[in-house]
C-alpha cells in the first residue's frame, strides 16, 4: 500500500520510537520502531511513559486518544493528513492539533 510506504518514510524521518496500533485493526508492523501490542488502551500505555518522566509527541489521525490526553503539557499532538486518506480522516473530529502531511 502506497500510504503505508509514505507512513514508514515519515516514521524514519521524524525518528518515531513507538507505534501503538488501533486495537480493532490488524496491525501493520513498522520497521525501526517499537510496535506495541498490548491489552491496555493507548491512553494507559502513554501515561506509563509519562510516569517515567518522558515528554511525548503523538502523531495520529485526530484520534480520541489525542483528545483525551490533550490537556497534558508534556504531550504535543500532531494530526497526520495525506492525499492518500479520505477527507473524513484528514478533517477527523476537528481538533486543533499541529498538522503534518504524509
N, C-alpha and C. Protein backbone atom coordinates (compact mmCIF):
# COMPACT_ATOMS: atom_id res chain seq x y z
N UNK A 1 0.84 -1.18 0.00
CA UNK A 1 0.00 0.00 0.00
C UNK A 1 0.89 1.26 0.00
N UNK A 2 0.62 2.16 -0.90
CA UNK A 2 1.43 3.36 -1.05
C UNK A 2 1.40 4.22 0.22
N UNK A 3 0.23 4.32 0.83
CA UNK A 3 0.12 5.13 2.05
C UNK A 3 1.03 4.58 3.15
N UNK A 4 1.05 3.27 3.34
CA UNK A 4 1.91 2.68 4.38
C UNK A 4 3.39 2.93 4.09
N UNK A 5 3.75 2.94 2.81
CA UNK A 5 5.14 3.25 2.44
C UNK A 5 5.48 4.69 2.82
N UNK A 6 4.57 5.61 2.55
CA UNK A 6 4.78 7.01 2.93
C UNK A 6 4.85 7.15 4.45
N UNK A 7 3.99 6.42 5.14
CA UNK A 7 3.99 6.47 6.60
C UNK A 7 5.30 5.92 7.16
N UNK A 8 5.82 4.85 6.56
CA UNK A 8 7.10 4.28 7.00
C UNK A 8 8.22 5.30 6.82
N UNK A 9 8.23 6.01 5.70
CA UNK A 9 9.25 7.05 5.47
C UNK A 9 9.11 8.18 6.50
N UNK A 10 7.88 8.54 6.80
CA UNK A 10 7.63 9.58 7.80
C UNK A 10 8.16 9.15 9.17
N UNK A 11 7.91 7.92 9.54
CA UNK A 11 8.39 7.38 10.82
C UNK A 11 9.91 7.47 10.91
N UNK A 12 10.57 7.13 9.82
CA UNK A 12 12.04 7.19 9.81
C UNK A 12 12.52 8.65 9.88
N UNK A 13 11.91 9.51 9.07
CA UNK A 13 12.32 10.92 9.00
C UNK A 13 12.12 11.63 10.34
N UNK A 14 10.99 11.39 10.98
CA UNK A 14 10.67 12.05 12.25
C UNK A 14 11.25 11.31 13.46
N UNK A 15 11.92 10.20 13.21
CA UNK A 15 12.53 9.39 14.27
C UNK A 15 11.52 8.98 15.33
N UNK A 16 10.39 8.48 14.86
CA UNK A 16 9.35 7.98 15.75
C UNK A 16 9.87 6.72 16.44
N UNK A 17 9.66 6.61 17.74
CA UNK A 17 10.18 5.48 18.52
C UNK A 17 9.17 4.36 18.76
N UNK A 18 7.90 4.74 18.90
CA UNK A 18 6.89 3.79 19.35
C UNK A 18 5.66 3.90 18.46
N UNK A 19 5.09 2.75 18.10
CA UNK A 19 3.84 2.72 17.34
C UNK A 19 2.82 1.93 18.16
N UNK A 20 1.69 2.57 18.46
CA UNK A 20 0.60 1.90 19.18
C UNK A 20 -0.56 1.77 18.20
N UNK A 21 -0.84 0.56 17.74
CA UNK A 21 -1.91 0.39 16.75
C UNK A 21 -3.30 0.51 17.38
N UNK A 22 -4.26 0.80 16.54
CA UNK A 22 -5.65 0.80 16.98
C UNK A 22 -6.03 -0.65 17.29
N UNK A 23 -6.67 -0.93 18.42
CA UNK A 23 -6.94 -2.32 18.82
C UNK A 23 -7.93 -3.07 17.92
N UNK A 24 -8.73 -2.36 17.15
CA UNK A 24 -9.73 -3.04 16.32
C UNK A 24 -9.18 -3.54 14.99
N UNK A 25 -7.98 -3.13 14.63
CA UNK A 25 -7.48 -3.45 13.31
C UNK A 25 -6.26 -4.34 13.40
N UNK A 26 -6.11 -5.21 12.40
CA UNK A 26 -4.87 -5.96 12.29
C UNK A 26 -3.76 -4.94 12.11
N UNK A 27 -2.76 -5.05 12.88
CA UNK A 27 -1.73 -4.03 12.90
C UNK A 27 -0.65 -4.30 11.86
N UNK A 28 -0.32 -3.27 11.13
CA UNK A 28 0.85 -3.30 10.28
C UNK A 28 2.06 -3.12 11.19
N UNK A 29 3.09 -3.89 10.98
CA UNK A 29 4.30 -3.76 11.78
C UNK A 29 5.27 -2.84 11.05
N UNK A 30 5.57 -1.69 11.63
CA UNK A 30 6.50 -0.75 11.03
C UNK A 30 7.92 -1.08 11.44
N UNK A 31 8.86 -0.81 10.54
CA UNK A 31 10.27 -1.08 10.80
C UNK A 31 10.89 0.08 11.57
N UNK A 32 11.84 -0.26 12.45
CA UNK A 32 12.61 0.76 13.14
C UNK A 32 11.92 1.40 14.33
N UNK A 33 10.77 0.85 14.74
CA UNK A 33 10.05 1.37 15.91
C UNK A 33 9.62 0.20 16.79
N UNK A 34 9.33 0.51 18.03
CA UNK A 34 8.72 -0.48 18.91
C UNK A 34 7.24 -0.55 18.57
N UNK A 35 6.78 -1.67 18.05
CA UNK A 35 5.37 -1.89 17.74
C UNK A 35 4.73 -2.48 18.98
N UNK A 36 3.93 -1.67 19.68
CA UNK A 36 3.33 -2.08 20.95
C UNK A 36 2.07 -2.90 20.70
N UNK A 37 2.07 -4.11 21.17
CA UNK A 37 0.87 -4.96 21.12
C UNK A 37 0.49 -5.26 22.56
N UNK A 38 -0.56 -4.63 23.02
CA UNK A 38 -0.93 -4.71 24.43
C UNK A 38 -2.44 -4.79 24.57
N UNK A 39 -2.87 -5.35 25.67
CA UNK A 39 -4.29 -5.36 26.02
C UNK A 39 -4.71 -4.01 26.60
N UNK A 40 -3.74 -3.22 26.99
CA UNK A 40 -4.03 -1.91 27.58
C UNK A 40 -4.50 -0.93 26.50
N UNK A 41 -5.30 0.05 26.92
CA UNK A 41 -5.69 1.09 25.97
C UNK A 41 -4.51 2.04 25.78
N UNK A 42 -4.49 2.71 24.64
CA UNK A 42 -3.36 3.58 24.30
C UNK A 42 -3.12 4.65 25.36
N UNK A 43 -4.19 5.23 25.91
CA UNK A 43 -4.03 6.26 26.93
C UNK A 43 -3.22 5.74 28.11
N UNK A 44 -3.49 4.52 28.56
CA UNK A 44 -2.76 3.96 29.70
C UNK A 44 -1.30 3.68 29.35
N UNK A 45 -1.06 3.21 28.14
CA UNK A 45 0.33 2.97 27.69
C UNK A 45 1.09 4.28 27.70
N UNK A 46 0.48 5.31 27.15
CA UNK A 46 1.12 6.63 27.08
C UNK A 46 1.34 7.20 28.47
N UNK A 47 0.38 7.05 29.36
CA UNK A 47 0.54 7.55 30.73
C UNK A 47 1.68 6.85 31.46
N UNK A 48 1.92 5.58 31.16
CA UNK A 48 3.07 4.88 31.76
C UNK A 48 4.38 5.52 31.34
N UNK A 49 4.48 5.90 30.06
CA UNK A 49 5.69 6.60 29.59
C UNK A 49 5.83 7.95 30.28
N UNK A 50 4.73 8.66 30.44
CA UNK A 50 4.78 9.97 31.11
C UNK A 50 5.20 9.82 32.56
N UNK A 51 4.77 8.74 33.22
CA UNK A 51 5.17 8.48 34.61
C UNK A 51 6.68 8.30 34.74
N UNK A 52 7.34 7.93 33.64
CA UNK A 52 8.79 7.76 33.63
C UNK A 52 9.50 9.09 33.36
N UNK A 53 8.72 10.17 33.24
CA UNK A 53 9.31 11.49 33.02
C UNK A 53 9.60 11.81 31.57
N UNK A 54 9.01 11.07 30.66
CA UNK A 54 9.26 11.24 29.24
C UNK A 54 8.21 12.20 28.65
N UNK A 55 8.68 13.19 27.88
CA UNK A 55 7.77 14.03 27.10
C UNK A 55 7.50 13.33 25.78
N UNK A 56 6.29 13.47 25.27
CA UNK A 56 5.92 12.71 24.08
C UNK A 56 5.34 13.60 22.99
N UNK A 57 5.59 13.19 21.75
CA UNK A 57 4.91 13.73 20.59
C UNK A 57 4.02 12.63 20.06
N UNK A 58 2.73 12.91 19.96
CA UNK A 58 1.78 11.91 19.48
C UNK A 58 1.33 12.30 18.08
N UNK A 59 1.54 11.39 17.14
CA UNK A 59 1.09 11.58 15.76
C UNK A 59 -0.11 10.67 15.55
N UNK A 60 -1.20 11.22 15.05
CA UNK A 60 -2.39 10.42 14.84
C UNK A 60 -3.33 11.06 13.84
N UNK A 61 -4.49 10.48 13.74
CA UNK A 61 -5.48 10.92 12.76
C UNK A 61 -6.67 11.58 13.47
N UNK A 62 -6.36 12.59 14.31
CA UNK A 62 -7.40 13.25 15.10
C UNK A 62 -8.14 12.25 15.98
N UNK A 63 -7.39 11.44 16.68
CA UNK A 63 -7.99 10.34 17.44
C UNK A 63 -8.52 10.80 18.79
N UNK A 64 -9.40 10.00 19.34
CA UNK A 64 -9.90 10.28 20.69
C UNK A 64 -8.78 10.14 21.73
N UNK A 65 -7.79 9.31 21.45
CA UNK A 65 -6.63 9.20 22.35
C UNK A 65 -5.96 10.57 22.46
N UNK A 66 -5.75 11.20 21.32
CA UNK A 66 -5.13 12.53 21.33
C UNK A 66 -6.01 13.53 22.08
N UNK A 67 -7.29 13.47 21.84
CA UNK A 67 -8.22 14.38 22.51
C UNK A 67 -8.20 14.16 24.03
N UNK A 68 -8.23 12.90 24.44
CA UNK A 68 -8.26 12.57 25.87
C UNK A 68 -7.00 13.03 26.60
N UNK A 69 -5.87 13.09 25.89
CA UNK A 69 -4.60 13.45 26.52
C UNK A 69 -4.15 14.87 26.17
N UNK A 70 -5.01 15.63 25.54
CA UNK A 70 -4.64 16.94 25.02
C UNK A 70 -4.30 17.97 26.09
N UNK A 71 -4.78 17.80 27.31
CA UNK A 71 -4.53 18.78 28.37
C UNK A 71 -3.22 18.56 29.11
N UNK A 72 -2.44 17.58 28.71
CA UNK A 72 -1.20 17.25 29.40
C UNK A 72 -0.06 18.03 28.74
N UNK A 73 0.63 18.84 29.53
CA UNK A 73 1.63 19.76 28.98
C UNK A 73 2.86 19.06 28.39
N UNK A 74 3.13 17.84 28.80
CA UNK A 74 4.31 17.13 28.29
C UNK A 74 4.00 16.32 27.03
N UNK A 75 2.82 16.56 26.45
CA UNK A 75 2.44 15.90 25.20
C UNK A 75 2.19 16.95 24.13
N UNK A 76 2.79 16.73 22.96
CA UNK A 76 2.48 17.55 21.78
C UNK A 76 1.72 16.66 20.81
N UNK A 77 0.57 17.12 20.37
CA UNK A 77 -0.27 16.35 19.45
C UNK A 77 -0.09 16.84 18.02
N UNK A 78 0.03 15.89 17.10
CA UNK A 78 0.14 16.19 15.68
C UNK A 78 -0.90 15.40 14.92
N UNK A 79 -1.63 16.09 14.08
CA UNK A 79 -2.62 15.45 13.22
C UNK A 79 -1.95 15.11 11.89
N UNK A 80 -2.03 13.83 11.50
CA UNK A 80 -1.48 13.39 10.22
C UNK A 80 -2.54 13.56 9.14
N UNK A 81 -2.18 14.24 8.07
CA UNK A 81 -3.05 14.33 6.90
C UNK A 81 -2.29 13.77 5.70
N UNK A 82 -3.04 13.39 4.68
CA UNK A 82 -2.42 12.82 3.49
C UNK A 82 -3.40 12.84 2.33
N UNK A 83 -2.89 13.06 1.12
CA UNK A 83 -3.77 12.95 -0.05
C UNK A 83 -4.24 11.51 -0.27
N UNK A 84 -3.61 10.55 0.41
CA UNK A 84 -3.99 9.14 0.28
C UNK A 84 -5.15 8.78 1.19
N UNK A 85 -5.56 9.70 2.06
CA UNK A 85 -6.65 9.45 3.00
C UNK A 85 -7.94 10.11 2.54
N UNK A 86 -9.05 9.54 2.96
CA UNK A 86 -10.35 10.17 2.71
C UNK A 86 -10.43 11.48 3.48
N UNK A 87 -11.25 12.39 2.98
CA UNK A 87 -11.41 13.68 3.64
C UNK A 87 -11.83 13.53 5.10
N UNK A 88 -12.62 12.51 5.39
CA UNK A 88 -13.08 12.31 6.77
C UNK A 88 -11.91 12.07 7.72
N UNK A 89 -10.84 11.42 7.23
CA UNK A 89 -9.65 11.22 8.06
C UNK A 89 -8.85 12.52 8.17
N UNK A 90 -8.74 13.23 7.06
CA UNK A 90 -7.96 14.47 7.07
C UNK A 90 -8.60 15.55 7.94
N UNK A 91 -9.92 15.56 8.00
CA UNK A 91 -10.60 16.56 8.83
C UNK A 91 -10.96 15.99 10.19
N UNK A 92 -11.13 14.69 10.25
CA UNK A 92 -11.35 13.99 11.51
C UNK A 92 -12.40 14.62 12.38
N UNK A 93 -12.11 14.69 13.64
CA UNK A 93 -13.04 15.22 14.63
C UNK A 93 -12.91 16.72 14.81
N UNK A 94 -12.06 17.34 14.01
CA UNK A 94 -11.93 18.79 14.03
C UNK A 94 -11.11 19.35 15.18
N UNK A 95 -10.26 18.55 15.79
CA UNK A 95 -9.41 19.04 16.86
C UNK A 95 -8.34 19.96 16.29
N UNK A 96 -7.90 20.89 17.08
CA UNK A 96 -6.93 21.88 16.64
C UNK A 96 -5.52 21.45 17.04
N UNK A 97 -5.03 20.38 16.42
CA UNK A 97 -3.68 19.91 16.68
C UNK A 97 -2.73 20.44 15.61
N UNK A 98 -1.43 20.39 15.90
CA UNK A 98 -0.44 20.70 14.87
C UNK A 98 -0.65 19.73 13.72
N UNK A 99 -0.36 20.17 12.50
CA UNK A 99 -0.62 19.32 11.34
C UNK A 99 0.68 18.94 10.64
N UNK A 100 0.79 17.66 10.27
CA UNK A 100 1.89 17.17 9.46
C UNK A 100 1.30 16.37 8.31
N UNK A 101 1.97 16.41 7.17
CA UNK A 101 1.45 15.71 6.00
C UNK A 101 2.34 14.53 5.65
N UNK A 102 1.72 13.44 5.26
CA UNK A 102 2.44 12.22 4.88
C UNK A 102 2.18 11.96 3.42
